[in-house]
Amino acid sequence: MSDAESFRSDLLALGFRPVQDRGTGTIRLSMRATSFLTYWVHWSEREGTVLFTWEHALAEMMSALGLQLGANEDLNQFLFPKHDARGPQEIAFVVQEMDRTEQMLRSIDLLGD
């Protein structure tokens, strides 16, 4: 099995699913980690690199808690990282970024002290 095939297999085993492959050499995959958190992998098979990012449906989460953001437009209120992570075509890199994201999100203190 090639490195690319092995990486694809590992991503699928983690729960990522292909979302888009326009034949440009970059494949987009996503994984719903929770009802509100989605991970994205933009994989350049040609270059052997990955761009990892995520989105959190913050307004939907707040609404589920009986709160609202702004005018309560749930579909337009997402939390994103300021900088995406770029790394090698290795499942360890993807898992490390998933763990880092979850640690960061768990550390958010809404009291702001």
PDB file of N, CA and C in Angstrom:
ATOM      1  N   MET A   1       0.849  -1.181   0.000  1.00  0.00           N
ATOM      2  CA  MET A   1       0.000   0.000   0.000  1.00  0.00           C
ATOM      3  C   MET A   1       0.899   1.250   0.000  1.00  0.00           C
ATOM      4  N   SER A   2       0.583   2.212  -0.854  1.00  0.00           N
ATOM      5  CA  SER A   2       1.383   3.433  -0.933  1.00  0.00           C
ATOM      6  C   SER A   2       1.128   4.322   0.289  1.00  0.00           C
ATOM      7  N   ASP A   3       1.996   5.315   0.480  1.00  0.00           N
ATOM      8  CA  ASP A   3       1.809   6.264   1.584  1.00  0.00           C
ATOM      9  C   ASP A   3       0.477   6.981   1.457  1.00  0.00           C
ATOM     10  N   ALA A   4       0.121   7.371   0.244  1.00  0.00           N
ATOM     11  CA  ALA A   4      -1.145   8.078   0.015  1.00  0.00           C
ATOM     12  C   ALA A   4      -2.328   7.176   0.336  1.00  0.00           C
ATOM     13  N   GLU A   5      -2.287   5.934  -0.097  1.00  0.00           N
ATOM     14  CA  GLU A   5      -3.378   4.991   0.188  1.00  0.00           C
ATOM     15  C   GLU A   5      -3.496   4.736   1.681  1.00  0.00           C
ATOM     16  N   SER A   6      -2.369   4.610   2.340  1.00  0.00           N
ATOM     17  CA  SER A   6      -2.356   4.383   3.784  1.00  0.00           C
ATOM     18  C   SER A   6      -2.933   5.595   4.522  1.00  0.00           C
ATOM     19  N   PHE A   7      -2.546   6.795   4.087  1.00  0.00           N
ATOM     20  CA  PHE A   7      -3.056   8.011   4.717  1.00  0.00           C
ATOM     21  C   PHE A   7      -4.560   8.129   4.518  1.00  0.00           C
ATOM     22  N   ARG A   8      -5.042   7.887   3.308  1.00  0.00           N
ATOM     23  CA  ARG A   8      -6.478   7.932   3.032  1.00  0.00           C
ATOM     24  C   ARG A   8      -7.226   6.933   3.914  1.00  0.00           C
ATOM     25  N   SER A   9      -6.688   5.747   4.027  1.00  0.00           N
ATOM     26  CA  SER A   9      -7.299   4.701   4.847  1.00  0.00           C
ATOM     27  C   SER A   9      -7.369   5.130   6.314  1.00  0.00           C
ATOM     28  N   ASP A  10      -6.291   5.743   6.804  1.00  0.00           N
ATOM     29  CA  ASP A  10      -6.259   6.219   8.195  1.00  0.00           C
ATOM     30  C   ASP A  10      -7.273   7.335   8.423  1.00  0.00           C
ATOM     31  N   LEU A  11      -7.381   8.268   7.464  1.00  0.00           N
ATOM     32  CA  LEU A  11      -8.368   9.348   7.592  1.00  0.00           C
ATOM     33  C   LEU A  11      -9.788   8.786   7.653  1.00  0.00           C
ATOM     34  N   LEU A  12     -10.078   7.832   6.778  1.00  0.00           N
ATOM     35  CA  LEU A  12     -11.401   7.217   6.773  1.00  0.00           C
ATOM     36  C   LEU A  12     -11.676   6.477   8.078  1.00  0.00           C
ATOM     37  N   ALA A  13     -10.652   5.806   8.609  1.00  0.00           N
ATOM     38  CA  ALA A  13     -10.808   5.093   9.879  1.00  0.00           C
ATOM     39  C   ALA A  13     -11.085   6.056  11.033  1.00  0.00           C
ATOM     40  N   LEU A  14     -10.537   7.277  10.957  1.00  0.00           N
ATOM     41  CA  LEU A  14     -10.798   8.285  11.993  1.00  0.00           C
ATOM     42  C   LEU A  14     -12.212   8.852  11.902  1.00  0.00           C
ATOM     43  N   GLY A  15     -12.833   8.715  10.740  1.00  0.00           N
ATOM     44  CA  GLY A  15     -14.182   9.244  10.557  1.00  0.00           C
ATOM     45  C   GLY A  15     -14.280  10.364   9.547  1.00  0.00           C
ATOM     46  N   PHE A  16     -13.168  10.713   8.882  1.00  0.00           N
ATOM     47  CA  PHE A  16     -13.217  11.726   7.833  1.00  0.00           C
ATOM     48  C   PHE A  16     -13.884  11.141   6.597  1.00  0.00           C
ATOM     49  N   ARG A  17     -14.625  12.001   5.894  1.00  0.00           N
ATOM     50  CA  ARG A  17     -15.286  11.594   4.663  1.00  0.00           C
ATOM     51  C   ARG A  17     -14.960  12.591   3.558  1.00  0.00           C
ATOM     52  N   PRO A  18     -14.681  12.091   2.355  1.00  0.00           N
ATOM     53  CA  PRO A  18     -14.402  13.003   1.237  1.00  0.00           C
ATOM     54  C   PRO A  18     -15.607  13.896   0.963  1.00  0.00           C
ATOM     55  N   VAL A  19     -15.330  15.168   0.763  1.00  0.00           N
ATOM     56  CA  VAL A  19     -16.383  16.137   0.483  1.00  0.00           C
ATOM     57  C   VAL A  19     -16.229  16.669  -0.928  1.00  0.00           C
ATOM     58  N   GLN A  20     -14.977  16.852  -1.346  1.00  0.00           N
ATOM     59  CA  GLN A  20     -14.761  17.467  -2.645  1.00  0.00           C
ATOM     60  C   GLN A  20     -13.422  17.041  -3.232  1.00  0.00           C
ATOM     61  N   ASP A  21     -13.462  16.651  -4.486  1.00  0.00           N
ATOM     62  CA  ASP A  21     -12.257  16.360  -5.252  1.00  0.00           C
ATOM     63  C   ASP A  21     -12.519  16.865  -6.660  1.00  0.00           C
ATOM     64  N   ARG A  22     -12.000  18.051  -6.956  1.00  0.00           N
ATOM     65  CA  ARG A  22     -12.240  18.661  -8.264  1.00  0.00           C
ATOM     66  C   ARG A  22     -11.175  18.268  -9.285  1.00  0.00           C
ATOM     67  N   GLY A  23     -10.334  17.336  -8.930  1.00  0.00           N
ATOM     68  CA  GLY A  23      -9.288  16.924  -9.843  1.00  0.00           C
ATOM     69  C   GLY A  23      -8.110  17.884  -9.888  1.00  0.00           C
ATOM     70  N   THR A  24      -8.023  18.780  -8.898  1.00  0.00           N
ATOM     71  CA  THR A  24      -6.934  19.754  -8.855  1.00  0.00           C
ATOM     72  C   THR A  24      -5.732  19.236  -8.077  1.00  0.00           C
ATOM     73  N   GLY A  25      -5.871  18.060  -7.489  1.00  0.00           N
ATOM     74  CA  GLY A  25      -4.796  17.514  -6.680  1.00  0.00           C
ATOM     75  C   GLY A  25      -4.997  17.735  -5.200  1.00  0.00           C
ATOM     76  N   THR A  26      -6.017  18.530  -4.832  1.00  0.00           N
ATOM     77  CA  THR A  26      -6.339  18.746  -3.421  1.00  0.00           C
ATOM     78  C   THR A  26      -7.709  18.141  -3.128  1.00  0.00           C
ATOM     79  N   ILE A  27      -7.738  17.283  -2.140  1.00  0.00           N
ATOM     80  CA  ILE A  27      -8.973  16.610  -1.750  1.00  0.00           C
ATOM     81  C   ILE A  27      -9.415  17.173  -0.406  1.00  0.00           C
ATOM     82  N   ARG A  28     -10.669  17.576  -0.297  1.00  0.00           N
ATOM     83  CA  ARG A  28     -11.217  18.080   0.968  1.00  0.00           C
ATOM     84  C   ARG A  28     -11.993  16.956   1.641  1.00  0.00           C
ATOM     85  N   LEU A  29     -11.693  16.767   2.924  1.00  0.00           N
ATOM     86  CA  LEU A  29     -12.404  15.776   3.730  1.00  0.00           C
ATOM     87  C   LEU A  29     -12.895  16.464   4.991  1.00  0.00           C
ATOM     88  N   SER A  30     -14.013  15.990   5.532  1.00  0.00           N
ATOM     89  CA  SER A  30     -14.532  16.575   6.769  1.00  0.00           C
ATOM     90  C   SER A  30     -14.935  15.480   7.738  1.00  0.00           C
ATOM     91  N   MET A  31     -15.005  15.885   8.998  1.00  0.00           N
ATOM     92  CA  MET A  31     -15.427  14.979  10.061  1.00  0.00           C
ATOM     93  C   MET A  31     -16.190  15.781  11.097  1.00  0.00           C
ATOM     94  N   ARG A  32     -17.411  15.356  11.406  1.00  0.00           N
ATOM     95  CA  ARG A  32     -18.185  15.996  12.471  1.00  0.00           C
ATOM     96  C   ARG A  32     -17.728  15.397  13.802  1.00  0.00           C
ATOM     97  N   ALA A  33     -16.997  16.170  14.575  1.00  0.00           N
ATOM     98  CA  ALA A  33     -16.494  15.691  15.869  1.00  0.00           C
ATOM     99  C   ALA A  33     -17.594  15.726  16.918  1.00  0.00           C
ATOM    100  N   THR A  34     -18.424  16.775  16.854  1.00  0.00           N
ATOM    101  CA  THR A  34     -19.576  16.915  17.746  1.00  0.00           C
ATOM    102  C   THR A  34     -20.711  17.522  16.923  1.00  0.00           C
ATOM    103  N   SER A  35     -21.818  17.791  17.566  1.00  0.00           N
ATOM    104  CA  SER A  35     -22.929  18.439  16.860  1.00  0.00           C
ATOM    105  C   SER A  35     -22.551  19.826  16.366  1.00  0.00           C
ATOM    106  N   PHE A  36     -21.524  20.419  16.958  1.00  0.00           N
ATOM    107  CA  PHE A  36     -21.160  21.793  16.640  1.00  0.00           C
ATOM    108  C   PHE A  36     -19.766  21.952  16.027  1.00  0.00           C
ATOM    109  N   LEU A  37     -18.889  20.965  16.176  1.00  0.00           N
ATOM    110  CA  LEU A  37     -17.494  21.053  15.741  1.00  0.00           C
ATOM    111  C   LEU A  37     -17.236  20.159  14.532  1.00  0.00           C
ATOM    112  N   THR A  38     -16.703  20.760  13.468  1.00  0.00           N
ATOM    113  CA  THR A  38     -16.352  20.020  12.257  1.00  0.00           C
ATOM    114  C   THR A  38     -14.878  20.247  11.956  1.00  0.00           C
ATOM    115  N   TYR A  39     -14.160  19.155  11.706  1.00  0.00           N
ATOM    116  CA  TYR A  39     -12.765  19.223  11.292  1.00  0.00           C
ATOM    117  C   TYR A  39     -12.700  19.138   9.767  1.00  0.00           C
ATOM    118  N   TRP A  40     -11.738  19.849   9.185  1.00  0.00           N
ATOM    119  CA  TRP A  40     -11.520  19.829   7.745  1.00  0.00           C
ATOM    120  C   TRP A  40     -10.062  19.513   7.455  1.00  0.00           C
ATOM    121  N   VAL A  41      -9.842  18.647   6.488  1.00  0.00           N
ATOM    122  CA  VAL A  41      -8.513  18.327   5.985  1.00  0.00           C
ATOM    123  C   VAL A  41      -8.515  18.633   4.495  1.00  0.00           C
ATOM    124  N   HIS A  42      -7.589  19.483   4.071  1.00  0.00           N
ATOM    125  CA  HIS A  42      -7.353  19.773   2.658  1.00  0.00           C
ATOM    126  C   HIS A  42      -6.034  19.079   2.327  1.00  0.00           C
ATOM    127  N   TRP A  43      -6.127  17.976   1.637  1.00  0.00           N
ATOM    128  CA  TRP A  43      -4.985  17.103   1.421  1.00  0.00           C
ATOM    129  C   TRP A  43      -4.467  17.235  -0.006  1.00  0.00           C
ATOM    130  N   SER A  44      -3.220  17.634  -0.141  1.00  0.00           N
ATOM    131  CA  SER A  44      -2.565  17.688  -1.440  1.00  0.00           C
ATOM    132  C   SER A  44      -1.768  16.403  -1.612  1.00  0.00           C
ATOM    133  N   GLU A  45      -2.368  15.468  -2.304  1.00  0.00           N
ATOM    134  CA  GLU A  45      -1.712  14.173  -2.490  1.00  0.00           C
ATOM    135  C   GLU A  45      -0.418  14.332  -3.277  1.00  0.00           C
ATOM    136  N   ARG A  46      -0.402  15.253  -4.243  1.00  0.00           N
ATOM    137  CA  ARG A  46       0.798  15.497  -5.054  1.00  0.00           C
ATOM    138  C   ARG A  46       1.967  15.979  -4.200  1.00  0.00           C
ATOM    139  N   GLU A  47       1.680  16.931  -3.295  1.00  0.00           N
ATOM    140  CA  GLU A  47       2.735  17.511  -2.464  1.00  0.00           C
ATOM    141  C   GLU A  47       2.988  16.716  -1.189  1.00  0.00           C
ATOM    142  N   GLY A  48       2.047  15.846  -0.830  1.00  0.00           N
ATOM    143  CA  GLY A  48       2.187  15.080   0.400  1.00  0.00           C
ATOM    144  C   GLY A  48       2.005  15.939   1.637  1.00  0.00           C
ATOM    145  N   THR A  49       1.134  16.969   1.523  1.00  0.00           N
ATOM    146  CA  THR A  49       0.899  17.880   2.645  1.00  0.00           C
ATOM    147  C   THR A  49      -0.590  17.957   2.981  1.00  0.00           C
ATOM    148  N   VAL A  50      -0.842  18.498   4.171  1.00  0.00           N
ATOM    149  CA  VAL A  50      -2.200  18.638   4.681  1.00  0.00           C
ATOM    150  C   VAL A  50      -2.373  20.037   5.242  1.00  0.00           C
ATOM    151  N   LEU A  51      -3.509  20.644   4.939  1.00  0.00           N
ATOM    152  CA  LEU A  51      -3.923  21.863   5.620  1.00  0.00           C
ATOM    153  C   LEU A  51      -5.079  21.438   6.519  1.00  0.00           C
ATOM    154  N   PHE A  52      -4.914  21.622   7.827  1.00  0.00           N
ATOM    155  CA  PHE A  52      -5.923  21.225   8.804  1.00  0.00           C
ATOM    156  C   PHE A  52      -6.599  22.480   9.344  1.00  0.00           C
ATOM    157  N   THR A  53      -7.914  22.470   9.380  1.00  0.00           N
ATOM    158  CA  THR A  53      -8.661  23.562   9.980  1.00  0.00           C
ATOM    159  C   THR A  53      -9.934  23.003  10.606  1.00  0.00           C
ATOM    160  N   TRP A  54     -10.696  23.876  11.211  1.00  0.00           N
ATOM    161  CA  TRP A  54     -11.926  23.452  11.864  1.00  0.00           C
ATOM    162  C   TRP A  54     -12.908  24.607  11.880  1.00  0.00           C
ATOM    163  N   GLU A  55     -14.178  24.282  12.156  1.00  0.00           N
ATOM    164  CA  GLU A  55     -15.197  25.300  12.348  1.00  0.00           C
ATOM    165  C   GLU A  55     -16.118  24.846  13.465  1.00  0.00           C
ATOM    166  N   HIS A  56     -16.544  25.807  14.263  1.00  0.00           N
ATOM    167  CA  HIS A  56     -17.438  25.519  15.377  1.00  0.00           C
ATOM    168  C   HIS A  56     -18.689  26.364  15.200  1.00  0.00           C
ATOM    169  N   ALA A  57     -19.840  25.709  15.164  1.00  0.00           N
ATOM    170  CA  ALA A  57     -21.123  26.394  14.991  1.00  0.00           C
ATOM    171  C   ALA A  57     -21.508  27.037  16.327  1.00  0.00           C
ATOM    172  N   LEU A  58     -20.831  28.123  16.627  1.00  0.00           N
ATOM    173  CA  LEU A  58     -20.967  28.789  17.918  1.00  0.00           C
ATOM    174  C   LEU A  58     -22.393  29.266  18.175  1.00  0.00           C
ATOM    175  N   ALA A  59     -23.007  29.902  17.191  1.00  0.00           N
ATOM    176  CA  ALA A  59     -24.363  30.419  17.388  1.00  0.00           C
ATOM    177  C   ALA A  59     -25.359  29.282  17.627  1.00  0.00           C
ATOM    178  N   GLU A  60     -25.192  28.171  16.920  1.00  0.00           N
ATOM    179  CA  GLU A  60     -26.080  27.026  17.133  1.00  0.00           C
ATOM    180  C   GLU A  60     -25.917  26.468  18.543  1.00  0.00           C
ATOM    181  N   MET A  61     -24.687  26.412  19.029  1.00  0.00           N
ATOM    182  CA  MET A  61     -24.430  25.920  20.378  1.00  0.00           C
ATOM    183  C   MET A  61     -25.062  26.844  21.413  1.00  0.00           C
ATOM    184  N   MET A  62     -24.871  28.145  21.237  1.00  0.00           N
ATOM    185  CA  MET A  62     -25.446  29.115  22.173  1.00  0.00           C
ATOM    186  C   MET A  62     -26.971  29.025  22.167  1.00  0.00           C
ATOM    187  N   SER A  63     -27.554  28.878  20.987  1.00  0.00           N
ATOM    188  CA  SER A  63     -29.002  28.748  20.873  1.00  0.00           C
ATOM    189  C   SER A  63     -29.501  27.510  21.615  1.00  0.00           C
ATOM    190  N   ALA A  64     -28.750  26.413  21.501  1.00  0.00           N
ATOM    191  CA  ALA A  64     -29.122  25.178  22.210  1.00  0.00           C
ATOM    192  C   ALA A  64     -29.075  25.372  23.726  1.00  0.00           C
ATOM    193  N   LEU A  65     -28.269  26.349  24.171  1.00  0.00           N
ATOM    194  CA  LEU A  65     -28.144  26.652  25.597  1.00  0.00           C
ATOM    195  C   LEU A  65     -29.105  27.764  26.036  1.00  0.00           C
ATOM    196  N   GLY A  66     -29.969  28.220  25.108  1.00  0.00           N
ATOM    197  CA  GLY A  66     -30.919  29.275  25.439  1.00  0.00           C
ATOM    198  C   GLY A  66     -30.313  30.666  25.382  1.00  0.00           C
ATOM    199  N   LEU A  67     -29.193  30.818  24.649  1.00  0.00           N
ATOM    200  CA  LEU A  67     -28.509  32.104  24.501  1.00  0.00           C
ATOM    201  C   LEU A  67     -28.494  32.474  23.023  1.00  0.00           C
ATOM    202  N   GLN A  68     -28.111  33.707  22.735  1.00  0.00           N
ATOM    203  CA  GLN A  68     -27.978  34.086  21.338  1.00  0.00           C
ATOM    204  C   GLN A  68     -26.800  35.023  21.135  1.00  0.00           C
ATOM    205  N   LEU A  69     -26.293  35.005  19.923  1.00  0.00           N
ATOM    206  CA  LEU A  69     -25.226  35.907  19.507  1.00  0.00           C
ATOM    207  C   LEU A  69     -25.819  36.912  18.534  1.00  0.00           C
ATOM    208  N   GLY A  70     -25.594  38.187  18.778  1.00  0.00           N
ATOM    209  CA  GLY A  70     -26.085  39.222  17.877  1.00  0.00           C
ATOM    210  C   GLY A  70     -27.565  39.094  17.606  1.00  0.00           C
ATOM    211  N   ALA A  71     -27.916  39.126  16.330  1.00  0.00           N
ATOM    212  CA  ALA A  71     -29.322  39.056  15.923  1.00  0.00           C
ATOM    213  C   ALA A  71     -29.820  37.614  15.857  1.00  0.00           C
ATOM    214  N   ASN A  72     -29.038  36.689  16.399  1.00  0.00           N
ATOM    215  CA  ASN A  72     -29.389  35.271  16.468  1.00  0.00           C
ATOM    216  C   ASN A  72     -29.503  34.630  15.091  1.00  0.00           C
ATOM    217  N   GLU A  73     -28.590  34.977  14.200  1.00  0.00           N
ATOM    218  CA  GLU A  73     -28.535  34.344  12.888  1.00  0.00           C
ATOM    219  C   GLU A  73     -27.620  33.127  12.983  1.00  0.00           C
ATOM    220  N   ASP A  74     -28.178  32.015  13.408  1.00  0.00           N
ATOM    221  CA  ASP A  74     -27.398  30.802  13.671  1.00  0.00           C
ATOM    222  C   ASP A  74     -26.536  30.355  12.496  1.00  0.00           C
ATOM    223  N   LEU A  75     -27.020  30.515  11.292  1.00  0.00           N
ATOM    224  CA  LEU A  75     -26.298  29.987  10.136  1.00  0.00           C
ATOM    225  C   LEU A  75     -25.047  30.781   9.781  1.00  0.00           C
ATOM    226  N   ASN A  76     -24.893  31.958  10.326  1.00  0.00           N
ATOM    227  CA  ASN A  76     -23.770  32.809   9.933  1.00  0.00           C
ATOM    228  C   ASN A  76     -22.773  33.072  11.056  1.00  0.00           C
ATOM    229  N   GLN A  77     -22.862  32.358  12.141  1.00  0.00           N
ATOM    230  CA  GLN A  77     -21.991  32.624  13.288  1.00  0.00           C
ATOM    231  C   GLN A  77     -21.140  31.402  13.605  1.00  0.00           C
ATOM    232  N   PHE A  78     -19.978  31.339  12.959  1.00  0.00           N
ATOM    233  CA  PHE A  78     -19.060  30.231  13.171  1.00  0.00           C
ATOM    234  C   PHE A  78     -17.765  30.751  13.771  1.00  0.00           C
ATOM    235  N   LEU A  79     -17.141  29.914  14.564  1.00  0.00           N
ATOM    236  CA  LEU A  79     -15.834  30.190  15.143  1.00  0.00           C
ATOM    237  C   LEU A  79     -14.810  29.407  14.316  1.00  0.00           C
ATOM    238  N   PHE A  80     -13.726  30.089  13.914  1.00  0.00           N
ATOM    239  CA  PHE A  80     -12.660  29.470  13.125  1.00  0.00           C
ATOM    240  C   PHE A  80     -11.322  29.791  13.774  1.00  0.00           C
ATOM    241  N   PRO A  81     -10.294  28.991  13.496  1.00  0.00           N
ATOM    242  CA  PRO A  81      -8.964  29.363  13.990  1.00  0.00           C
ATOM    243  C   PRO A  81      -8.444  30.565  13.203  1.00  0.00           C
ATOM    244  N   LYS A  82      -7.656  31.379  13.841  1.00  0.00           N
ATOM    245  CA  LYS A  82      -7.046  32.526  13.163  1.00  0.00           C
ATOM    246  C   LYS A  82      -6.052  32.056  12.101  1.00  0.00           C
ATOM    247  N   HIS A  83      -5.363  30.948  12.391  1.00  0.00           N
ATOM    248  CA  HIS A  83      -4.380  30.389  11.463  1.00  0.00           C
ATOM    249  C   HIS A  83      -4.615  28.887  11.342  1.00  0.00           C
ATOM    250  N   ASP A  84      -4.670  28.410  10.120  1.00  0.00           N
ATOM    251  CA  ASP A  84      -4.786  26.975   9.882  1.00  0.00           C
ATOM    252  C   ASP A  84      -3.426  26.323  10.074  1.00  0.00           C
ATOM    253  N   ALA A  85      -3.430  25.017  10.269  1.00  0.00           N
ATOM    254  CA  ALA A  85      -2.180  24.283  10.462  1.00  0.00           C
ATOM    255  C   ALA A  85      -1.816  23.544   9.180  1.00  0.00           C
ATOM    256  N   ARG A  86      -0.585  23.681   8.786  1.00  0.00           N
ATOM    257  CA  ARG A  86      -0.102  22.973   7.599  1.00  0.00           C
ATOM    258  C   ARG A  86       0.981  21.997   8.047  1.00  0.00           C
ATOM    259  N   GLY A  87       0.887  20.789   7.530  1.00  0.00           N
ATOM    260  CA  GLY A  87       1.856  19.785   7.935  1.00  0.00           C
ATOM    261  C   GLY A  87       1.969  18.657   6.939  1.00  0.00           C
ATOM    262  N   PRO A  88       2.663  17.609   7.342  1.00  0.00           N
ATOM    263  CA  PRO A  88       2.908  16.483   6.448  1.00  0.00           C
ATOM    264  C   PRO A  88       1.679  15.578   6.308  1.00  0.00           C
ATOM    265  N   GLN A  89       1.702  14.808   5.273  1.00  0.00           N
ATOM    266  CA  GLN A  89       0.659  13.813   5.010  1.00  0.00           C
ATOM    267  C   GLN A  89       0.858  12.638   5.966  1.00  0.00           C
ATOM    268  N   GLU A  90       0.578  12.889   7.254  1.00  0.00           N
ATOM    269  CA  GLU A  90       0.747  11.861   8.282  1.00  0.00           C
ATOM    270  C   GLU A  90      -0.443  11.920   9.229  1.00  0.00           C
ATOM    271  N   ILE A  91      -0.973  10.782   9.555  1.00  0.00           N
ATOM    272  CA  ILE A  91      -2.149  10.747  10.424  1.00  0.00           C
ATOM    273  C   ILE A  91      -1.811  11.285  11.811  1.00  0.00           C
ATOM    274  N   ALA A  92      -0.571  11.130  12.253  1.00  0.00           N
ATOM    275  CA  ALA A  92      -0.162  11.658  13.561  1.00  0.00           C
ATOM    276  C   ALA A  92      -0.310  13.172  13.600  1.00  0.00           C
ATOM    277  N   PHE A  93      -0.007  13.841  12.487  1.00  0.00           N
ATOM    278  CA  PHE A  93      -0.168  15.296  12.421  1.00  0.00           C
ATOM    279  C   PHE A  93      -1.643  15.676  12.561  1.00  0.00           C
ATOM    280  N   VAL A  94      -2.515  14.979  11.862  1.00  0.00           N
ATOM    281  CA  VAL A  94      -3.947  15.271  11.922  1.00  0.00           C
ATOM    282  C   VAL A  94      -4.474  15.049  13.338  1.00  0.00           C
ATOM    283  N   VAL A  95      -4.132  13.939  13.943  1.00  0.00           N
ATOM    284  CA  VAL A  95      -4.588  13.638  15.308  1.00  0.00           C
ATOM    285  C   VAL A  95      -4.045  14.664  16.300  1.00  0.00           C
ATOM    286  N   GLN A  96      -2.804  15.069  16.136  1.00  0.00           N
ATOM    287  CA  GLN A  96      -2.207  16.094  17.005  1.00  0.00           C
ATOM    288  C   GLN A  96      -2.993  17.400  16.895  1.00  0.00           C
ATOM    289  N   GLU A  97      -3.372  17.789  15.702  1.00  0.00           N
ATOM    290  CA  GLU A  97      -4.131  19.030  15.513  1.00  0.00           C
ATOM    291  C   GLU A  97      -5.549  18.910  16.067  1.00  0.00           C
ATOM    292  N   MET A  98      -6.146  17.747  15.946  1.00  0.00           N
ATOM    293  CA  MET A  98      -7.464  17.524  16.538  1.00  0.00           C
ATOM    294  C   MET A  98      -7.375  17.670  18.061  1.00  0.00           C
ATOM    295  N   ASP A  99      -6.376  17.051  18.663  1.00  0.00           N
ATOM    296  CA  ASP A  99      -6.184  17.139  20.115  1.00  0.00           C
ATOM    297  C   ASP A  99      -5.925  18.572  20.555  1.00  0.00           C
ATOM    298  N   ARG A 100      -5.073  19.275  19.795  1.00  0.00           N
ATOM    299  CA  ARG A 100      -4.754  20.665  20.127  1.00  0.00           C
ATOM    300  C   ARG A 100      -6.012  21.541  20.060  1.00  0.00           C
ATOM    301  N   THR A 101      -6.833  21.315  19.056  1.00  0.00           N
ATOM    302  CA  THR A 101      -8.083  22.071  18.909  1.00  0.00           C
ATOM    303  C   THR A 101      -9.008  21.815  20.086  1.00  0.00           C
ATOM    304  N   GLU A 102      -9.170  20.563  20.451  1.00  0.00           N
ATOM    305  CA  GLU A 102     -10.073  20.225  21.555  1.00  0.00           C
ATOM    306  C   GLU A 102      -9.568  20.785  22.879  1.00  0.00           C
ATOM    307  N   GLN A 103      -8.268  20.758  23.109  1.00  0.00           N
ATOM    308  CA  GLN A 103      -7.709  21.345  24.331  1.00  0.00           C
ATOM    309  C   GLN A 103      -7.968  22.839  24.380  1.00  0.00           C
ATOM    310  N   MET A 104      -7.766  23.505  23.258  1.00  0.00           N
ATOM    311  CA  MET A 104      -7.977  24.947  23.198  1.00  0.00           C
ATOM    312  C   MET A 104      -9.455  25.291  23.435  1.00  0.00           C
ATOM    313  N   LEU A 105     -10.356  24.556  22.792  1.00  0.00           N
ATOM    314  CA  LEU A 105     -11.781  24.842  22.967  1.00  0.00           C
ATOM    315  C   LEU A 105     -12.240  24.573  24.409  1.00  0.00           C
ATOM    316  N   ARG A 106     -11.683  23.520  25.016  1.00  0.00           N
ATOM    317  CA  ARG A 106     -12.041  23.226  26.410  1.00  0.00           C
ATOM    318  C   ARG A 106     -11.520  24.295  27.375  1.00  0.00           C
ATOM    319  N   SER A 107     -10.482  25.006  26.980  1.00  0.00           N
ATOM    320  CA  SER A 107      -9.867  25.988  27.876  1.00  0.00           C
ATOM    321  C   SER A 107     -10.565  27.354  27.837  1.00  0.00           C
ATOM    322  N   ILE A 108     -11.511  27.542  26.945  1.00  0.00           N
ATOM    323  CA  ILE A 108     -12.175  28.843  26.838  1.00  0.00           C
ATOM    324  C   ILE A 108     -12.986  29.116  28.092  1.00  0.00           C
ATOM    325  N   ASP A 109     -12.722  30.272  28.683  1.00  0.00           N
ATOM    326  CA  ASP A 109     -13.415  30.713  29.892  1.00  0.00           C
ATOM    327  C   ASP A 109     -14.324  31.872  29.521  1.00  0.00           C
ATOM    328  N   LEU A 110     -15.622  31.648  29.507  1.00  0.00           N
ATOM    329  CA  LEU A 110     -16.559  32.696  29.097  1.00  0.00           C
ATOM    330  C   LEU A 110     -16.690  33.815  30.126  1.00  0.00           C
ATOM    331  N   LEU A 111     -16.162  33.635  31.307  1.00  0.00           N
ATOM    332  CA  LEU A 111     -16.168  34.724  32.287  1.00  0.00           C
ATOM    333  C   LEU A 111     -15.059  35.719  32.000  1.00  0.00           C
ATOM    334  N   GLY A 112     -14.033  35.278  31.286  1.00  0.00           N
ATOM    335  CA  GLY A 112     -12.967  36.161  30.838  1.00  0.00           C
ATOM    336  C   GLY A 112     -12.037  36.657  31.909  1.00  0.00           C
ATOM    337  N   ASP A 113     -11.892  35.917  32.983  1.00  0.00           N
ATOM    338  CA  ASP A 113     -10.971  36.345  34.051  1.00  0.00           C
ATOM    339  C   ASP A 113      -9.538  36.095  33.686  1.00  0.00           C
TER     340      ASP A 113
END
